[in-house]
Amino acid sequence: MDGVIRIIDYKTGKKLFRNNLKLKNIEDIRKENGIYNLQLMFYQLGIMNKYKDKEIDTGIISIKNMKEGVLKGEIENNKRFNDKSIGQIKNQIILVIEDILNENKLFKN
């Protein structure tokens, strides 16, 4: 794993499975089923400037489903991202933030 940074989030509430972190389309990050990947991508963007030359691997350990081990974040069959490949995800996160800030749009979580 030389050159790879791993971000792991631990969830103690809901029991999660691999499919909870598998998104077929980048746009799904803005839907309810994309919430876990969205959170992981926020973390990734937070450290990306410091580790531009590294690939970043994200995942969740579900305390209520420990036997599954690390549930890796996956978007469009990609489980690892870097400074170049994060662009589309960054654009989707900007759209989420714009939705949150839009007073005329009902925002629920």
Protein backbone atom coordinates (compact mmCIF):
# COMPACT_ATOMS: atom_id res chain seq x y z
CA MET A 1 0.00 0.00 0.00
CA ASP A 2 2.93 2.31 -0.61
CA GLY A 3 1.64 5.74 -1.55
CA VAL A 4 -1.90 5.03 -0.36
CA ILE A 5 -3.73 6.85 2.44
CA ARG A 6 -6.66 5.05 4.06
CA ILE A 7 -9.61 6.88 5.61
CA ILE A 8 -11.78 4.72 7.86
CA ASP A 9 -15.00 5.85 9.51
CA TYR A 10 -16.57 3.79 12.27
CA LYS A 11 -20.36 3.53 12.45
CA THR A 12 -21.99 2.39 15.67
CA GLY A 13 -25.66 2.84 14.81
CA LYS A 14 -27.10 1.31 11.68
CA LYS A 15 -25.84 -2.08 10.48
CA LEU A 16 -24.17 -1.48 7.12
CA PHE A 17 -23.32 -3.82 4.27
CA ARG A 18 -21.05 -3.58 1.20
CA ASN A 19 -23.97 -2.54 -1.01
CA ASN A 20 -24.54 0.52 1.19
CA LEU A 21 -21.26 1.91 -0.15
CA LYS A 22 -21.50 0.83 -3.78
CA LEU A 23 -22.73 3.54 -6.16
CA LYS A 24 -23.18 2.86 -9.86
CA ASN A 25 -23.25 6.54 -10.87
CA ILE A 26 -21.46 9.59 -9.53
CA GLU A 27 -24.80 11.44 -9.35
CA ASP A 28 -26.01 8.91 -6.77
CA ILE A 29 -23.75 10.59 -4.22
CA ARG A 30 -26.49 13.24 -3.99
CA LYS A 31 -29.23 10.72 -3.25
CA GLU A 32 -30.19 9.14 0.05
CA ASN A 33 -28.32 5.91 -0.74
CA GLY A 34 -25.13 7.91 -1.39
CA ILE A 35 -24.88 9.48 2.07
CA TYR A 36 -22.10 7.20 3.31
CA ASN A 37 -19.88 7.78 0.27
CA LEU A 38 -20.65 11.49 0.43
CA GLN A 39 -19.34 11.59 3.98
CA LEU A 40 -16.19 9.68 3.02
CA MET A 41 -15.59 12.02 0.09
CA PHE A 42 -15.87 15.06 2.38
CA TYR A 43 -13.10 13.54 4.49
CA GLN A 44 -11.04 12.85 1.38
CA LEU A 45 -11.37 16.40 0.10
CA GLY A 46 -10.28 17.63 3.52
CA ILE A 47 -6.87 15.98 3.21
CA MET A 48 -6.41 15.98 -0.58
CA ASN A 49 -4.32 19.17 -0.73
CA LYS A 50 -1.80 17.76 1.73
CA TYR A 51 -1.53 14.39 -0.05
CA LYS A 52 -1.83 15.28 -3.75
CA ASP A 53 0.67 12.63 -4.79
CA LYS A 54 -1.15 9.83 -2.93
CA GLU A 55 -4.11 7.65 -3.72
CA ILE A 56 -6.83 7.58 -1.10
CA ASP A 57 -8.78 4.52 -0.10
CA THR A 58 -11.96 5.09 1.95
CA GLY A 59 -14.13 2.77 3.95
CA ILE A 60 -16.42 2.23 6.88
CA ILE A 61 -16.28 -0.31 9.66
CA SER A 62 -19.81 -1.04 10.83
CA ILE A 63 -19.58 -1.99 14.50
CA LYS A 64 -22.88 -3.89 14.17
CA ASN A 65 -21.47 -5.85 11.21
CA MET A 66 -17.83 -6.40 12.14
CA LYS A 67 -17.63 -9.72 10.30
CA GLU A 68 -17.71 -7.80 6.97
CA GLY A 69 -14.51 -5.94 7.86
CA VAL A 70 -13.86 -2.67 6.02
CA LEU A 71 -16.71 -1.73 3.69
CA LYS A 72 -14.89 0.16 0.97
CA GLY A 73 -16.40 3.25 -0.60
CA GLU A 74 -17.03 2.60 -4.27
CA ILE A 75 -18.24 4.97 -6.98
CA GLU A 76 -18.57 3.80 -10.59
CA ASN A 77 -16.42 0.73 -9.83
CA ASN A 78 -13.63 2.91 -8.38
CA LYS A 79 -12.49 2.19 -4.84
CA ARG A 80 -9.47 4.46 -4.80
CA PHE A 81 -9.18 8.13 -5.75
CA ASN A 82 -6.44 10.68 -6.24
CA ASP A 83 -6.12 14.39 -6.87
CA LYS A 84 -6.97 13.97 -10.56
CA SER A 85 -9.92 11.60 -10.22
CA ILE A 86 -11.67 13.49 -7.42
CA GLY A 87 -12.86 16.31 -9.73
CA GLN A 88 -16.29 14.89 -10.55
CA ILE A 89 -16.92 14.04 -6.93
CA LYS A 90 -15.94 17.54 -5.88
CA ASN A 91 -18.49 18.95 -8.35
CA GLN A 92 -21.23 16.75 -6.87
CA ILE A 93 -20.34 17.86 -3.35
CA ILE A 94 -20.58 21.49 -4.45
CA LEU A 95 -24.09 20.75 -5.76
CA VAL A 96 -25.04 19.23 -2.38
CA ILE A 97 -23.79 22.33 -0.58
CA GLU A 98 -25.71 24.58 -2.98
CA ASP A 99 -28.86 22.56 -2.25
CA ILE A 100 -28.32 22.97 1.49
CA LEU A 101 -27.87 26.73 1.12
CA ASN A 102 -30.86 27.21 -1.22
CA GLU A 103 -33.63 28.78 0.86
CA ASN A 104 -36.24 27.87 -1.75
CA LYS A 105 -35.46 24.18 -1.72
CA LEU A 106 -36.70 21.74 0.90
CA PHE A 107 -33.69 20.01 2.36
CA LYS A 108 -34.12 16.92 4.48
CA ASN A 109 -31.72 14.34 5.78
